[in-house]
Amino acid sequence: MQHIDFELDRDHVELNQLLKLVGLCDSGGAGKAIVASGAVTVDGEVELRKTCKIRAGQVVVVDEVEIRVVQA
């Protein structure tokens, strides 16, 4: 599994934007489609809310990629 540490420089980032910012998709719209497909988990639970607020300390997994969100 690939691991990515994402440094969060604000209070939160929307889930679809996080996928775009780490390079897993080309746009926020593509990120929304990935979330809607049920392929994303947040802290081990499937997350279907496209604009779910992701905060420092959370772990997002898409396929074989684990994104750890850390405070910048």
PDB file of N, CA and C in Angstrom:
ATOM      1  N   MET A   1       0.834  -1.188   0.000  1.00  0.00           N
ATOM      2  CA  MET A   1       0.000   0.000   0.000  1.00  0.00           C
ATOM      3  C   MET A   1       0.878   1.251   0.000  1.00  0.00           C
ATOM      4  N   GLN A   2       0.507   2.207  -0.827  1.00  0.00           N
ATOM      5  CA  GLN A   2       1.223   3.479  -0.898  1.00  0.00           C
ATOM      6  C   GLN A   2       0.736   4.394   0.230  1.00  0.00           C
ATOM      7  N   HIS A   3       1.660   5.136   0.849  1.00  0.00           N
ATOM      8  CA  HIS A   3       1.308   6.051   1.930  1.00  0.00           C
ATOM      9  C   HIS A   3       1.641   7.481   1.530  1.00  0.00           C
ATOM     10  N   ILE A   4       0.706   8.389   1.780  1.00  0.00           N
ATOM     11  CA  ILE A   4       0.910   9.805   1.508  1.00  0.00           C
ATOM     12  C   ILE A   4       0.608  10.570   2.788  1.00  0.00           C
ATOM     13  N   ASP A   5       1.519  11.453   3.188  1.00  0.00           N
ATOM     14  CA  ASP A   5       1.242  12.363   4.303  1.00  0.00           C
ATOM     15  C   ASP A   5       0.833  13.697   3.699  1.00  0.00           C
ATOM     16  N   PHE A   6      -0.387  14.144   4.003  1.00  0.00           N
ATOM     17  CA  PHE A   6      -0.891  15.417   3.501  1.00  0.00           C
ATOM     18  C   PHE A   6      -0.858  16.432   4.629  1.00  0.00           C
ATOM     19  N   GLU A   7      -0.123  17.525   4.437  1.00  0.00           N
ATOM     20  CA  GLU A   7      -0.023  18.565   5.464  1.00  0.00           C
ATOM     21  C   GLU A   7      -1.183  19.544   5.314  1.00  0.00           C
ATOM     22  N   LEU A   8      -2.014  19.582   6.328  1.00  0.00           N
ATOM     23  CA  LEU A   8      -3.199  20.446   6.336  1.00  0.00           C
ATOM     24  C   LEU A   8      -2.823  21.791   6.934  1.00  0.00           C
ATOM     25  N   ASP A   9      -2.997  22.858   6.149  1.00  0.00           N
ATOM     26  CA  ASP A   9      -2.608  24.194   6.606  1.00  0.00           C
ATOM     27  C   ASP A   9      -3.807  25.040   7.029  1.00  0.00           C
ATOM     28  N   ARG A  10      -4.949  24.398   7.228  1.00  0.00           N
ATOM     29  CA  ARG A  10      -6.173  25.088   7.681  1.00  0.00           C
ATOM     30  C   ARG A  10      -6.961  24.138   8.570  1.00  0.00           C
ATOM     31  N   ASP A  11      -8.168  24.529   8.927  1.00  0.00           N
ATOM     32  CA  ASP A  11      -8.991  23.736   9.839  1.00  0.00           C
ATOM     33  C   ASP A  11      -9.397  22.391   9.241  1.00  0.00           C
ATOM     34  N   HIS A  12      -9.773  22.402   7.961  1.00  0.00           N
ATOM     35  CA  HIS A  12     -10.221  21.166   7.310  1.00  0.00           C
ATOM     36  C   HIS A  12     -10.066  21.297   5.791  1.00  0.00           C
ATOM     37  N   VAL A  13     -10.212  20.172   5.105  1.00  0.00           N
ATOM     38  CA  VAL A  13     -10.256  20.146   3.647  1.00  0.00           C
ATOM     39  C   VAL A  13     -11.401  19.222   3.260  1.00  0.00           C
ATOM     40  N   GLU A  14     -12.137  19.586   2.202  1.00  0.00           N
ATOM     41  CA  GLU A  14     -13.233  18.736   1.754  1.00  0.00           C
ATOM     42  C   GLU A  14     -12.651  17.479   1.105  1.00  0.00           C
ATOM     43  N   LEU A  15     -13.321  16.358   1.306  1.00  0.00           N
ATOM     44  CA  LEU A  15     -12.814  15.062   0.851  1.00  0.00           C
ATOM     45  C   LEU A  15     -12.512  15.050  -0.640  1.00  0.00           C
ATOM     46  N   ASN A  16     -13.428  15.546  -1.465  1.00  0.00           N
ATOM     47  CA  ASN A  16     -13.182  15.525  -2.914  1.00  0.00           C
ATOM     48  C   ASN A  16     -11.974  16.385  -3.287  1.00  0.00           C
ATOM     49  N   GLN A  17     -11.756  17.495  -2.576  1.00  0.00           N
ATOM     50  CA  GLN A  17     -10.597  18.350  -2.838  1.00  0.00           C
ATOM     51  C   GLN A  17      -9.299  17.680  -2.383  1.00  0.00           C
ATOM     52  N   LEU A  18      -9.359  16.942  -1.290  1.00  0.00           N
ATOM     53  CA  LEU A  18      -8.178  16.220  -0.812  1.00  0.00           C
ATOM     54  C   LEU A  18      -7.686  15.242  -1.879  1.00  0.00           C
ATOM     55  N   LEU A  19      -8.615  14.512  -2.490  1.00  0.00           N
ATOM     56  CA  LEU A  19      -8.234  13.550  -3.529  1.00  0.00           C
ATOM     57  C   LEU A  19      -7.552  14.254  -4.695  1.00  0.00           C
ATOM     58  N   LYS A  20      -8.030  15.453  -5.025  1.00  0.00           N
ATOM     59  CA  LYS A  20      -7.409  16.227  -6.101  1.00  0.00           C
ATOM     60  C   LYS A  20      -6.033  16.727  -5.672  1.00  0.00           C
ATOM     61  N   LEU A  21      -5.928  17.250  -4.459  1.00  0.00           N
ATOM     62  CA  LEU A  21      -4.670  17.840  -3.990  1.00  0.00           C
ATOM     63  C   LEU A  21      -3.527  16.832  -3.879  1.00  0.00           C
ATOM     64  N   VAL A  22      -3.843  15.572  -3.585  1.00  0.00           N
ATOM     65  CA  VAL A  22      -2.788  14.558  -3.489  1.00  0.00           C
ATOM     66  C   VAL A  22      -2.529  13.872  -4.831  1.00  0.00           C
ATOM     67  N   GLY A  23      -3.268  14.259  -5.866  1.00  0.00           N
ATOM     68  CA  GLY A  23      -3.009  13.749  -7.207  1.00  0.00           C
ATOM     69  C   GLY A  23      -3.719  12.465  -7.581  1.00  0.00           C
ATOM     70  N   LEU A  24      -4.752  12.076  -6.832  1.00  0.00           N
ATOM     71  CA  LEU A  24      -5.475  10.849  -7.166  1.00  0.00           C
ATOM     72  C   LEU A  24      -6.521  11.062  -8.251  1.00  0.00           C
ATOM     73  N   CYS A  25      -6.827  12.328  -8.561  1.00  0.00           N
ATOM     74  CA  CYS A  25      -7.747  12.660  -9.636  1.00  0.00           C
ATOM     75  C   CYS A  25      -7.403  14.049 -10.165  1.00  0.00           C
ATOM     76  N   ASP A  26      -7.981  14.403 -11.318  1.00  0.00           N
ATOM     77  CA  ASP A  26      -7.639  15.657 -11.982  1.00  0.00           C
ATOM     78  C   ASP A  26      -8.459  16.854 -11.525  1.00  0.00           C
ATOM     79  N   SER A  27      -9.631  16.599 -10.942  1.00  0.00           N
ATOM     80  CA  SER A  27     -10.509  17.709 -10.577  1.00  0.00           C
ATOM     81  C   SER A  27     -11.362  17.351  -9.374  1.00  0.00           C
ATOM     82  N   GLY A  28     -11.974  18.375  -8.781  1.00  0.00           N
ATOM     83  CA  GLY A  28     -12.886  18.137  -7.668  1.00  0.00           C
ATOM     84  C   GLY A  28     -14.072  17.293  -8.108  1.00  0.00           C
ATOM     85  N   GLY A  29     -14.518  17.489  -9.347  1.00  0.00           N
ATOM     86  CA  GLY A  29     -15.635  16.703  -9.873  1.00  0.00           C
ATOM     87  C   GLY A  29     -15.288  15.227  -9.979  1.00  0.00           C
ATOM     88  N   ALA A  30     -14.059  14.946 -10.425  1.00  0.00           N
ATOM     89  CA  ALA A  30     -13.611  13.551 -10.499  1.00  0.00           C
ATOM     90  C   ALA A  30     -13.503  12.976  -9.089  1.00  0.00           C
ATOM     91  N   GLY A  31     -13.081  13.797  -8.130  1.00  0.00           N
ATOM     92  CA  GLY A  31     -13.013  13.370  -6.733  1.00  0.00           C
ATOM     93  C   GLY A  31     -14.385  13.003  -6.205  1.00  0.00           C
ATOM     94  N   LYS A  32     -15.395  13.803  -6.562  1.00  0.00           N
ATOM     95  CA  LYS A  32     -16.771  13.510  -6.137  1.00  0.00           C
ATOM     96  C   LYS A  32     -17.238  12.173  -6.681  1.00  0.00           C
ATOM     97  N   ALA A  33     -16.856  11.867  -7.935  1.00  0.00           N
ATOM     98  CA  ALA A  33     -17.256  10.597  -8.544  1.00  0.00           C
ATOM     99  C   ALA A  33     -16.610   9.418  -7.825  1.00  0.00           C
ATOM    100  N   ILE A  34     -15.346   9.573  -7.433  1.00  0.00           N
ATOM    101  CA  ILE A  34     -14.647   8.505  -6.711  1.00  0.00           C
ATOM    102  C   ILE A  34     -15.331   8.258  -5.362  1.00  0.00           C
ATOM    103  N   VAL A  35     -15.669   9.332  -4.658  1.00  0.00           N
ATOM    104  CA  VAL A  35     -16.343   9.203  -3.362  1.00  0.00           C
ATOM    105  C   VAL A  35     -17.710   8.551  -3.548  1.00  0.00           C
ATOM    106  N   ALA A  36     -18.464   8.997  -4.557  1.00  0.00           N
ATOM    107  CA  ALA A  36     -19.811   8.465  -4.797  1.00  0.00           C
ATOM    108  C   ALA A  36     -19.787   6.980  -5.133  1.00  0.00           C
ATOM    109  N   SER A  37     -18.674   6.489  -5.681  1.00  0.00           N
ATOM    110  CA  SER A  37     -18.580   5.079  -6.062  1.00  0.00           C
ATOM    111  C   SER A  37     -18.427   4.153  -4.850  1.00  0.00           C
ATOM    112  N   GLY A  38     -18.157   4.729  -3.672  1.00  0.00           N
ATOM    113  CA  GLY A  38     -17.992   3.916  -2.477  1.00  0.00           C
ATOM    114  C   GLY A  38     -16.583   3.400  -2.283  1.00  0.00           C
ATOM    115  N   ALA A  39     -15.625   3.947  -3.036  1.00  0.00           N
ATOM    116  CA  ALA A  39     -14.245   3.458  -3.000  1.00  0.00           C
ATOM    117  C   ALA A  39     -13.393   4.107  -1.915  1.00  0.00           C
ATOM    118  N   VAL A  40     -13.975   5.041  -1.147  1.00  0.00           N
ATOM    119  CA  VAL A  40     -13.191   5.812  -0.177  1.00  0.00           C
ATOM    120  C   VAL A  40     -13.624   5.470   1.249  1.00  0.00           C
ATOM    121  N   THR A  41     -12.618   5.236   2.115  1.00  0.00           N
ATOM    122  CA  THR A  41     -12.923   5.092   3.533  1.00  0.00           C
ATOM    123  C   THR A  41     -12.204   6.198   4.301  1.00  0.00           C
ATOM    124  N   VAL A  42     -12.858   6.645   5.366  1.00  0.00           N
ATOM    125  CA  VAL A  42     -12.277   7.630   6.280  1.00  0.00           C
ATOM    126  C   VAL A  42     -12.278   6.987   7.655  1.00  0.00           C
ATOM    127  N   ASP A  43     -11.104   6.837   8.231  1.00  0.00           N
ATOM    128  CA  ASP A  43     -10.953   6.181   9.530  1.00  0.00           C
ATOM    129  C   ASP A  43     -11.632   4.811   9.554  1.00  0.00           C
ATOM    130  N   GLY A  44     -11.518   4.070   8.436  1.00  0.00           N
ATOM    131  CA  GLY A  44     -12.021   2.701   8.371  1.00  0.00           C
ATOM    132  C   GLY A  44     -13.470   2.540   7.993  1.00  0.00           C
ATOM    133  N   GLU A  45     -14.202   3.645   7.813  1.00  0.00           N
ATOM    134  CA  GLU A  45     -15.632   3.588   7.460  1.00  0.00           C
ATOM    135  C   GLU A  45     -15.824   4.135   6.053  1.00  0.00           C
ATOM    136  N   VAL A  46     -16.664   3.477   5.245  1.00  0.00           N
ATOM    137  CA  VAL A  46     -16.956   3.985   3.903  1.00  0.00           C
ATOM    138  C   VAL A  46     -17.602   5.362   4.030  1.00  0.00           C
ATOM    139  N   GLU A  47     -17.098   6.318   3.259  1.00  0.00           N
ATOM    140  CA  GLU A  47     -17.607   7.688   3.302  1.00  0.00           C
ATOM    141  C   GLU A  47     -18.198   8.042   1.941  1.00  0.00           C
ATOM    142  N   LEU A  48     -19.484   8.390   1.923  1.00  0.00           N
ATOM    143  CA  LEU A  48     -20.170   8.732   0.676  1.00  0.00           C
ATOM    144  C   LEU A  48     -20.453  10.228   0.557  1.00  0.00           C
ATOM    145  N   ARG A  49     -20.168  10.998   1.602  1.00  0.00           N
ATOM    146  CA  ARG A  49     -20.379  12.458   1.533  1.00  0.00           C
ATOM    147  C   ARG A  49     -19.189  13.078   0.804  1.00  0.00           C
ATOM    148  N   LYS A  50     -19.439  13.610  -0.361  1.00  0.00           N
ATOM    149  CA  LYS A  50     -18.365  14.106  -1.227  1.00  0.00           C
ATOM    150  C   LYS A  50     -17.593  15.266  -0.615  1.00  0.00           C
ATOM    151  N   THR A  51     -18.291  16.114   0.146  1.00  0.00           N
ATOM    152  CA  THR A  51     -17.630  17.289   0.719  1.00  0.00           C
ATOM    153  C   THR A  51     -17.446  17.146   2.232  1.00  0.00           C
ATOM    154  N   CYS A  52     -17.345  15.909   2.680  1.00  0.00           N
ATOM    155  CA  CYS A  52     -17.084  15.630   4.094  1.00  0.00           C
ATOM    156  C   CYS A  52     -15.827  16.383   4.530  1.00  0.00           C
ATOM    157  N   LYS A  53     -15.874  17.013   5.699  1.00  0.00           N
ATOM    158  CA  LYS A  53     -14.725  17.765   6.206  1.00  0.00           C
ATOM    159  C   LYS A  53     -13.691  16.809   6.798  1.00  0.00           C
ATOM    160  N   ILE A  54     -12.492  16.839   6.229  1.00  0.00           N
ATOM    161  CA  ILE A  54     -11.398  15.996   6.703  1.00  0.00           C
ATOM    162  C   ILE A  54     -10.452  16.866   7.519  1.00  0.00           C
ATOM    163  N   ARG A  55     -10.145  16.423   8.723  1.00  0.00           N
ATOM    164  CA  ARG A  55      -9.313  17.205   9.645  1.00  0.00           C
ATOM    165  C   ARG A  55      -8.024  16.460   9.965  1.00  0.00           C
ATOM    166  N   ALA A  56      -7.071  17.168  10.528  1.00  0.00           N
ATOM    167  CA  ALA A  56      -5.791  16.570  10.915  1.00  0.00           C
ATOM    168  C   ALA A  56      -6.041  15.380  11.840  1.00  0.00           C
ATOM    169  N   GLY A  57      -5.285  14.308  11.619  1.00  0.00           N
ATOM    170  CA  GLY A  57      -5.415  13.106  12.434  1.00  0.00           C
ATOM    171  C   GLY A  57      -6.244  12.023  11.775  1.00  0.00           C
ATOM    172  N   GLN A  58      -6.953  12.362  10.708  1.00  0.00           N
ATOM    173  CA  GLN A  58      -7.782  11.363  10.042  1.00  0.00           C
ATOM    174  C   GLN A  58      -6.974  10.635   8.968  1.00  0.00           C
ATOM    175  N   VAL A  59      -7.433   9.428   8.630  1.00  0.00           N
ATOM    176  CA  VAL A  59      -6.781   8.601   7.609  1.00  0.00           C
ATOM    177  C   VAL A  59      -7.816   8.274   6.538  1.00  0.00           C
ATOM    178  N   VAL A  60      -7.470   8.591   5.293  1.00  0.00           N
ATOM    179  CA  VAL A  60      -8.343   8.343   4.149  1.00  0.00           C
ATOM    180  C   VAL A  60      -7.681   7.267   3.291  1.00  0.00           C
ATOM    181  N   VAL A  61      -8.459   6.251   2.880  1.00  0.00           N
ATOM    182  CA  VAL A  61      -7.923   5.187   2.032  1.00  0.00           C
ATOM    183  C   VAL A  61      -8.749   5.108   0.754  1.00  0.00           C
ATOM    184  N   VAL A  62      -8.037   5.099  -0.385  1.00  0.00           N
ATOM    185  CA  VAL A  62      -8.653   4.921  -1.698  1.00  0.00           C
ATOM    186  C   VAL A  62      -7.864   3.829  -2.399  1.00  0.00           C
ATOM    187  N   ASP A  63      -8.525   2.717  -2.716  1.00  0.00           N
ATOM    188  CA  ASP A  63      -7.858   1.579  -3.339  1.00  0.00           C
ATOM    189  C   ASP A  63      -6.628   1.187  -2.520  1.00  0.00           C
ATOM    190  N   GLU A  64      -5.440   1.307  -3.074  1.00  0.00           N
ATOM    191  CA  GLU A  64      -4.219   0.912  -2.368  1.00  0.00           C
ATOM    192  C   GLU A  64      -3.412   2.121  -1.899  1.00  0.00           C
ATOM    193  N   VAL A  65      -4.088   3.259  -1.689  1.00  0.00           N
ATOM    194  CA  VAL A  65      -3.410   4.480  -1.260  1.00  0.00           C
ATOM    195  C   VAL A  65      -3.982   4.931   0.080  1.00  0.00           C
ATOM    196  N   GLU A  66      -3.093   5.104   1.061  1.00  0.00           N
ATOM    197  CA  GLU A  66      -3.496   5.593   2.377  1.00  0.00           C
ATOM    198  C   GLU A  66      -2.984   7.027   2.522  1.00  0.00           C
ATOM    199  N   ILE A  67      -3.917   7.948   2.811  1.00  0.00           N
ATOM    200  CA  ILE A  67      -3.563   9.346   2.991  1.00  0.00           C
ATOM    201  C   ILE A  67      -3.708   9.681   4.465  1.00  0.00           C
ATOM    202  N   ARG A  68      -2.590  10.043   5.098  1.00  0.00           N
ATOM    203  CA  ARG A  68      -2.622  10.462   6.500  1.00  0.00           C
ATOM    204  C   ARG A  68      -2.619  11.984   6.524  1.00  0.00           C
ATOM    205  N   VAL A  69      -3.626  12.559   7.164  1.00  0.00           N
ATOM    206  CA  VAL A  69      -3.750  14.013   7.216  1.00  0.00           C
ATOM    207  C   VAL A  69      -3.092  14.495   8.506  1.00  0.00           C
ATOM    208  N   VAL A  70      -2.053  15.333   8.335  1.00  0.00           N
ATOM    209  CA  VAL A  70      -1.305  15.846   9.487  1.00  0.00           C
ATOM    210  C   VAL A  70      -1.357  17.364   9.488  1.00  0.00           C
ATOM    211  N   GLN A  71      -1.298  17.949  10.669  1.00  0.00           N
ATOM    212  CA  GLN A  71      -1.318  19.410  10.780  1.00  0.00           C
ATOM    213  C   GLN A  71       0.028  19.974  10.323  1.00  0.00           C
ATOM    214  N   ALA A  72      -0.030  20.992   9.485  1.00  0.00           N
ATOM    215  CA  ALA A  72       1.205  21.622   8.969  1.00  0.00           C
ATOM    216  C   ALA A  72       1.844  22.455  10.050  1.00  0.00           C
TER     217      ALA A  72
END
